Amino acid sequence: MMTIEYLKKLQATPKIGIWKIRGVSENEIKKVEKKFNIQFPLAYSEFLFLAGESCGALPIMDTADLETISSDWHYEIMQEEIRETGLHHTLTRPFWLFAESNGCEQFYFFYLDEGNNPTVYLADYSITDDNKKDIKSLKVNFSTFIEKKIDTAFKRLKEES
């Protein structure tokens, strides 16, 4: 059983409204790390363990489940999107896309060399050239990013009821 160090708020929130989070096993996480020859930051491993199969009502783009994000076809779509929009010139450090929308048109990622609770970045269309993408730091680490998403989900739930 994984000890949760960074995502205690997520661990304490297995359900938002009727939507439950569902995690993946530590073994599944290790398989993906081995497949890509990387090591996930601890905060992200905790996220996968708690919500890697389904992140329930958390507003984290369209796709954040480990099975899809780590699939060969998804990796190819991401690589193509990065090449076509010039991001391959900017993304020169090892990174991991952890959530995306519309076939990687927009995505959240972190660099794999920033420790156990890395800063979250967003790749999105440039405001000056819609054929290009820009990267911006959200200036929060991964655990804070997830905590803010939990707060947003509860706020939305309250507004809808």
C-alpha atoms as a PDB file:
ATOM      1  CA  MET A   1       0.000   0.000   0.000  1.00  0.00           C
ATOM      2  CA  MET A   2       1.411   3.358  -1.039  1.00  0.00           C
ATOM      3  CA  THR A   3       1.910   5.929   1.711  1.00  0.00           C
ATOM      4  CA  ILE A   4       0.372   9.233   0.666  1.00  0.00           C
ATOM      5  CA  GLU A   5       2.651  12.164   1.443  1.00  0.00           C
ATOM      6  CA  TYR A   6       1.644  14.937  -0.979  1.00  0.00           C
ATOM      7  CA  LEU A   7      -1.977  14.297  -1.941  1.00  0.00           C
ATOM      8  CA  LYS A   8      -3.656  13.886   1.449  1.00  0.00           C
ATOM      9  CA  LYS A   9      -6.558  16.116   0.362  1.00  0.00           C
ATOM     10  CA  LEU A  10      -7.218  13.861  -2.655  1.00  0.00           C
ATOM     11  CA  GLN A  11      -6.945  10.773  -0.446  1.00  0.00           C
ATOM     12  CA  ALA A  12      -9.575  12.319   1.860  1.00  0.00           C
ATOM     13  CA  THR A  13     -11.853  13.053  -1.139  1.00  0.00           C
ATOM     14  CA  PRO A  14     -12.691   9.689  -2.751  1.00  0.00           C
ATOM     15  CA  LYS A  15     -15.932  11.120  -4.129  1.00  0.00           C
ATOM     16  CA  ILE A  16     -17.229  14.490  -5.336  1.00  0.00           C
ATOM     17  CA  GLY A  17     -20.983  14.393  -5.814  1.00  0.00           C
ATOM     18  CA  ILE A  18     -21.737  11.042  -7.420  1.00  0.00           C
ATOM     19  CA  TRP A  19     -18.332  10.794  -9.095  1.00  0.00           C
ATOM     20  CA  LYS A  20     -15.738   8.543  -7.478  1.00  0.00           C
ATOM     21  CA  ILE A  21     -12.030   8.619  -8.096  1.00  0.00           C
ATOM     22  CA  ARG A  22     -10.422   5.277  -8.935  1.00  0.00           C
ATOM     23  CA  GLY A  23      -6.728   4.581  -8.840  1.00  0.00           C
ATOM     24  CA  VAL A  24      -4.365   2.108 -10.440  1.00  0.00           C
ATOM     25  CA  SER A  25      -2.032  -0.338  -8.703  1.00  0.00           C
ATOM     26  CA  GLU A  26       1.575   0.422  -7.861  1.00  0.00           C
ATOM     27  CA  ASN A  27       2.426  -2.382 -10.280  1.00  0.00           C
ATOM     28  CA  GLU A  28       0.645  -0.574 -13.143  1.00  0.00           C
ATOM     29  CA  ILE A  29       2.550   2.616 -12.319  1.00  0.00           C
ATOM     30  CA  LYS A  30       5.871   0.740 -12.344  1.00  0.00           C
ATOM     31  CA  LYS A  31       4.999  -0.879 -15.702  1.00  0.00           C
ATOM     32  CA  VAL A  32       4.496   2.528 -17.332  1.00  0.00           C
ATOM     33  CA  GLU A  33       7.709   3.882 -15.793  1.00  0.00           C
ATOM     34  CA  LYS A  34       9.563   0.879 -17.185  1.00  0.00           C
ATOM     35  CA  LYS A  35       7.916   1.208 -20.625  1.00  0.00           C
ATOM     36  CA  PHE A  36       9.095   4.825 -20.985  1.00  0.00           C
ATOM     37  CA  ASN A  37      12.292   4.363 -18.959  1.00  0.00           C
ATOM     38  CA  ILE A  38      11.375   7.171 -16.578  1.00  0.00           C
ATOM     39  CA  GLN A  39      10.563   7.653 -12.921  1.00  0.00           C
ATOM     40  CA  PHE A  40       7.454   9.594 -12.003  1.00  0.00           C
ATOM     41  CA  PRO A  41       7.641  12.243  -9.290  1.00  0.00           C
ATOM     42  CA  LEU A  42       6.185  10.923  -6.036  1.00  0.00           C
ATOM     43  CA  ALA A  43       3.267  13.399  -6.067  1.00  0.00           C
ATOM     44  CA  TYR A  44       2.186  12.118  -9.511  1.00  0.00           C
ATOM     45  CA  SER A  45       2.590   8.471  -8.474  1.00  0.00           C
ATOM     46  CA  GLU A  46       0.257   9.226  -5.570  1.00  0.00           C
ATOM     47  CA  PHE A  47      -2.232  10.799  -7.993  1.00  0.00           C
ATOM     48  CA  LEU A  48      -2.134   7.676 -10.165  1.00  0.00           C
ATOM     49  CA  PHE A  49      -2.524   5.407  -7.140  1.00  0.00           C
ATOM     50  CA  LEU A  50      -5.586   7.380  -6.001  1.00  0.00           C
ATOM     51  CA  ALA A  51      -7.114   8.556  -9.295  1.00  0.00           C
ATOM     52  CA  GLY A  52      -5.117   7.090 -12.210  1.00  0.00           C
ATOM     53  CA  GLU A  53      -8.050   5.129 -13.617  1.00  0.00           C
ATOM     54  CA  SER A  54     -10.637   7.865 -13.173  1.00  0.00           C
ATOM     55  CA  CYS A  55     -10.268  11.294 -11.614  1.00  0.00           C
ATOM     56  CA  GLY A  56     -14.031  11.560 -11.092  1.00  0.00           C
ATOM     57  CA  ALA A  57     -15.332  15.125 -11.052  1.00  0.00           C
ATOM     58  CA  LEU A  58     -11.898  16.767 -11.010  1.00  0.00           C
ATOM     59  CA  PRO A  59     -11.787  19.279 -13.878  1.00  0.00           C
ATOM     60  CA  ILE A  60      -8.493  18.113 -15.420  1.00  0.00           C
ATOM     61  CA  MET A  61      -9.196  18.361 -19.173  1.00  0.00           C
ATOM     62  CA  ASP A  62     -10.681  15.437 -21.148  1.00  0.00           C
ATOM     63  CA  THR A  63      -8.047  12.785 -20.641  1.00  0.00           C
ATOM     64  CA  ALA A  64      -5.965  12.108 -17.558  1.00  0.00           C
ATOM     65  CA  ASP A  65      -6.241   8.351 -17.050  1.00  0.00           C
ATOM     66  CA  LEU A  66      -2.979   6.419 -17.082  1.00  0.00           C
ATOM     67  CA  GLU A  67      -4.116   3.772 -19.570  1.00  0.00           C
ATOM     68  CA  THR A  68      -4.834   6.344 -22.296  1.00  0.00           C
ATOM     69  CA  ILE A  69      -1.993   8.747 -21.477  1.00  0.00           C
ATOM     70  CA  SER A  70       0.575   5.917 -21.589  1.00  0.00           C
ATOM     71  CA  SER A  71      -0.758   4.131 -24.688  1.00  0.00           C
ATOM     72  CA  ASP A  72       1.354   3.952 -27.851  1.00  0.00           C
ATOM     73  CA  TRP A  73      -1.322   5.607 -30.017  1.00  0.00           C
ATOM     74  CA  HIS A  74      -1.673   8.493 -27.567  1.00  0.00           C
ATOM     75  CA  TYR A  75       2.089   8.971 -27.386  1.00  0.00           C
ATOM     76  CA  GLU A  76       2.199   9.179 -31.209  1.00  0.00           C
ATOM     77  CA  ILE A  77      -0.575  11.805 -31.276  1.00  0.00           C
ATOM     78  CA  MET A  78       1.317  13.854 -28.685  1.00  0.00           C
ATOM     79  CA  GLN A  79       4.621  13.619 -30.594  1.00  0.00           C
ATOM     80  CA  GLU A  80       2.919  14.666 -33.837  1.00  0.00           C
ATOM     81  CA  GLU A  81       1.204  17.633 -32.148  1.00  0.00           C
ATOM     82  CA  ILE A  82       4.517  18.717 -30.589  1.00  0.00           C
ATOM     83  CA  ARG A  83       6.313  18.548 -33.958  1.00  0.00           C
ATOM     84  CA  GLU A  84       3.566  20.297 -35.926  1.00  0.00           C
ATOM     85  CA  THR A  85       3.305  23.221 -33.501  1.00  0.00           C
ATOM     86  CA  GLY A  86       7.016  23.811 -32.954  1.00  0.00           C
ATOM     87  CA  LEU A  87       6.999  22.704 -29.316  1.00  0.00           C
ATOM     88  CA  HIS A  88       9.853  20.276 -29.986  1.00  0.00           C
ATOM     89  CA  HIS A  89      12.171  23.311 -29.968  1.00  0.00           C
ATOM     90  CA  THR A  90      10.970  24.303 -26.484  1.00  0.00           C
ATOM     91  CA  LEU A  91      10.386  20.927 -24.833  1.00  0.00           C
ATOM     92  CA  THR A  92      14.011  19.853 -24.660  1.00  0.00           C
ATOM     93  CA  ARG A  93      13.978  18.450 -21.108  1.00  0.00           C
ATOM     94  CA  PRO A  94      12.330  15.134 -20.200  1.00  0.00           C
ATOM     95  CA  PHE A  95       8.645  15.767 -19.426  1.00  0.00           C
ATOM     96  CA  TRP A  96       5.407  13.891 -18.858  1.00  0.00           C
ATOM     97  CA  LEU A  97       2.041  14.941 -20.256  1.00  0.00           C
ATOM     98  CA  PHE A  98      -0.467  14.060 -17.521  1.00  0.00           C
ATOM     99  CA  ALA A  99      -3.706  15.515 -18.900  1.00  0.00           C
ATOM    100  CA  GLU A 100      -4.845  16.737 -22.291  1.00  0.00           C
ATOM    101  CA  SER A 101      -7.745  17.907 -24.379  1.00  0.00           C
ATOM    102  CA  ASN A 102      -8.684  17.418 -28.049  1.00  0.00           C
ATOM    103  CA  GLY A 103      -5.880  15.076 -29.121  1.00  0.00           C
ATOM    104  CA  CYS A 104      -3.174  17.009 -27.260  1.00  0.00           C
ATOM    105  CA  GLU A 105      -4.174  20.423 -28.615  1.00  0.00           C
ATOM    106  CA  GLN A 106      -3.851  21.628 -25.018  1.00  0.00           C
ATOM    107  CA  PHE A 107      -2.104  19.745 -22.271  1.00  0.00           C
ATOM    108  CA  TYR A 108      -0.762  19.901 -18.748  1.00  0.00           C
ATOM    109  CA  PHE A 109       2.678  18.502 -18.090  1.00  0.00           C
ATOM    110  CA  PHE A 110       5.607  18.582 -15.712  1.00  0.00           C
ATOM    111  CA  TYR A 111       9.320  18.150 -16.207  1.00  0.00           C
ATOM    112  CA  LEU A 112      10.729  14.892 -14.893  1.00  0.00           C
ATOM    113  CA  ASP A 113      13.847  16.578 -13.480  1.00  0.00           C
ATOM    114  CA  GLU A 114      12.081  18.844 -10.961  1.00  0.00           C
ATOM    115  CA  GLY A 115      11.870  16.564  -7.929  1.00  0.00           C
ATOM    116  CA  ASN A 116       8.967  14.800  -6.235  1.00  0.00           C
ATOM    117  CA  ASN A 117       6.408  17.611  -6.495  1.00  0.00           C
ATOM    118  CA  PRO A 118       7.190  19.422  -9.761  1.00  0.00           C
ATOM    119  CA  THR A 119       5.758  22.646 -11.163  1.00  0.00           C
ATOM    120  CA  VAL A 120       2.799  22.209 -13.531  1.00  0.00           C
ATOM    121  CA  TYR A 121       2.958  23.719 -17.026  1.00  0.00           C
ATOM    122  CA  LEU A 122       0.316  24.274 -19.677  1.00  0.00           C
ATOM    123  CA  ALA A 123       0.925  23.950 -23.412  1.00  0.00           C
ATOM    124  CA  ASP A 124      -1.717  25.893 -25.310  1.00  0.00           C
ATOM    125  CA  TYR A 125      -2.197  27.824 -28.538  1.00  0.00           C
ATOM    126  CA  SER A 126      -0.127  30.961 -28.895  1.00  0.00           C
ATOM    127  CA  ILE A 127      -2.115  34.179 -28.688  1.00  0.00           C
ATOM    128  CA  THR A 128      -0.082  35.585 -31.598  1.00  0.00           C
ATOM    129  CA  ASP A 129       0.011  32.550 -33.949  1.00  0.00           C
ATOM    130  CA  ASP A 130      -2.608  29.797 -33.817  1.00  0.00           C
ATOM    131  CA  ASN A 131      -0.289  27.378 -35.653  1.00  0.00           C
ATOM    132  CA  LYS A 132       2.127  27.539 -32.733  1.00  0.00           C
ATOM    133  CA  LYS A 133       1.879  26.648 -29.079  1.00  0.00           C
ATOM    134  CA  ASP A 134       3.228  28.411 -26.026  1.00  0.00           C
ATOM    135  CA  ILE A 135       4.231  26.913 -22.726  1.00  0.00           C
ATOM    136  CA  LYS A 136       3.453  28.670 -19.511  1.00  0.00           C
ATOM    137  CA  SER A 137       4.197  27.767 -15.943  1.00  0.00           C
ATOM    138  CA  LEU A 138       1.125  27.668 -13.721  1.00  0.00           C
ATOM    139  CA  LYS A 139       3.502  28.610 -10.882  1.00  0.00           C
ATOM    140  CA  VAL A 140       2.119  25.873  -8.628  1.00  0.00           C
ATOM    141  CA  ASN A 141       3.475  22.451  -7.823  1.00  0.00           C
ATOM    142  CA  PHE A 142       1.575  19.283  -8.690  1.00  0.00           C
ATOM    143  CA  SER A 143      -0.012  18.732  -5.267  1.00  0.00           C
ATOM    144  CA  THR A 144      -1.271  22.339  -5.094  1.00  0.00           C
ATOM    145  CA  PHE A 145      -2.622  22.001  -8.658  1.00  0.00           C
ATOM    146  CA  ILE A 146      -4.652  18.924  -7.618  1.00  0.00           C
ATOM    147  CA  GLU A 147      -5.873  20.626  -4.425  1.00  0.00           C
ATOM    148  CA  LYS A 148      -7.108  23.593  -6.486  1.00  0.00           C
ATOM    149  CA  LYS A 149      -8.917  21.202  -8.856  1.00  0.00           C
ATOM    150  CA  ILE A 150     -10.647  19.564  -5.860  1.00  0.00           C
ATOM    151  CA  ASP A 151     -11.766  23.003  -4.622  1.00  0.00           C
ATOM    152  CA  THR A 152     -13.022  23.917  -8.117  1.00  0.00           C
ATOM    153  CA  ALA A 153     -14.981  20.649  -8.387  1.00  0.00           C
ATOM    154  CA  PHE A 154     -16.727  21.255  -5.046  1.00  0.00           C
ATOM    155  CA  LYS A 155     -17.445  24.869  -6.014  1.00  0.00           C
ATOM    156  CA  ARG A 156     -19.034  23.728  -9.301  1.00  0.00           C
ATOM    157  CA  LEU A 157     -21.069  21.091  -7.474  1.00  0.00           C
ATOM    158  CA  LYS A 158     -22.367  23.729  -5.061  1.00  0.00           C
ATOM    159  CA  GLU A 159     -23.268  26.088  -7.936  1.00  0.00           C
ATOM    160  CA  GLU A 160     -25.162  23.332  -9.758  1.00  0.00           C
ATOM    161  CA  SER A 161     -27.264  22.301  -6.760  1.00  0.00           C
END
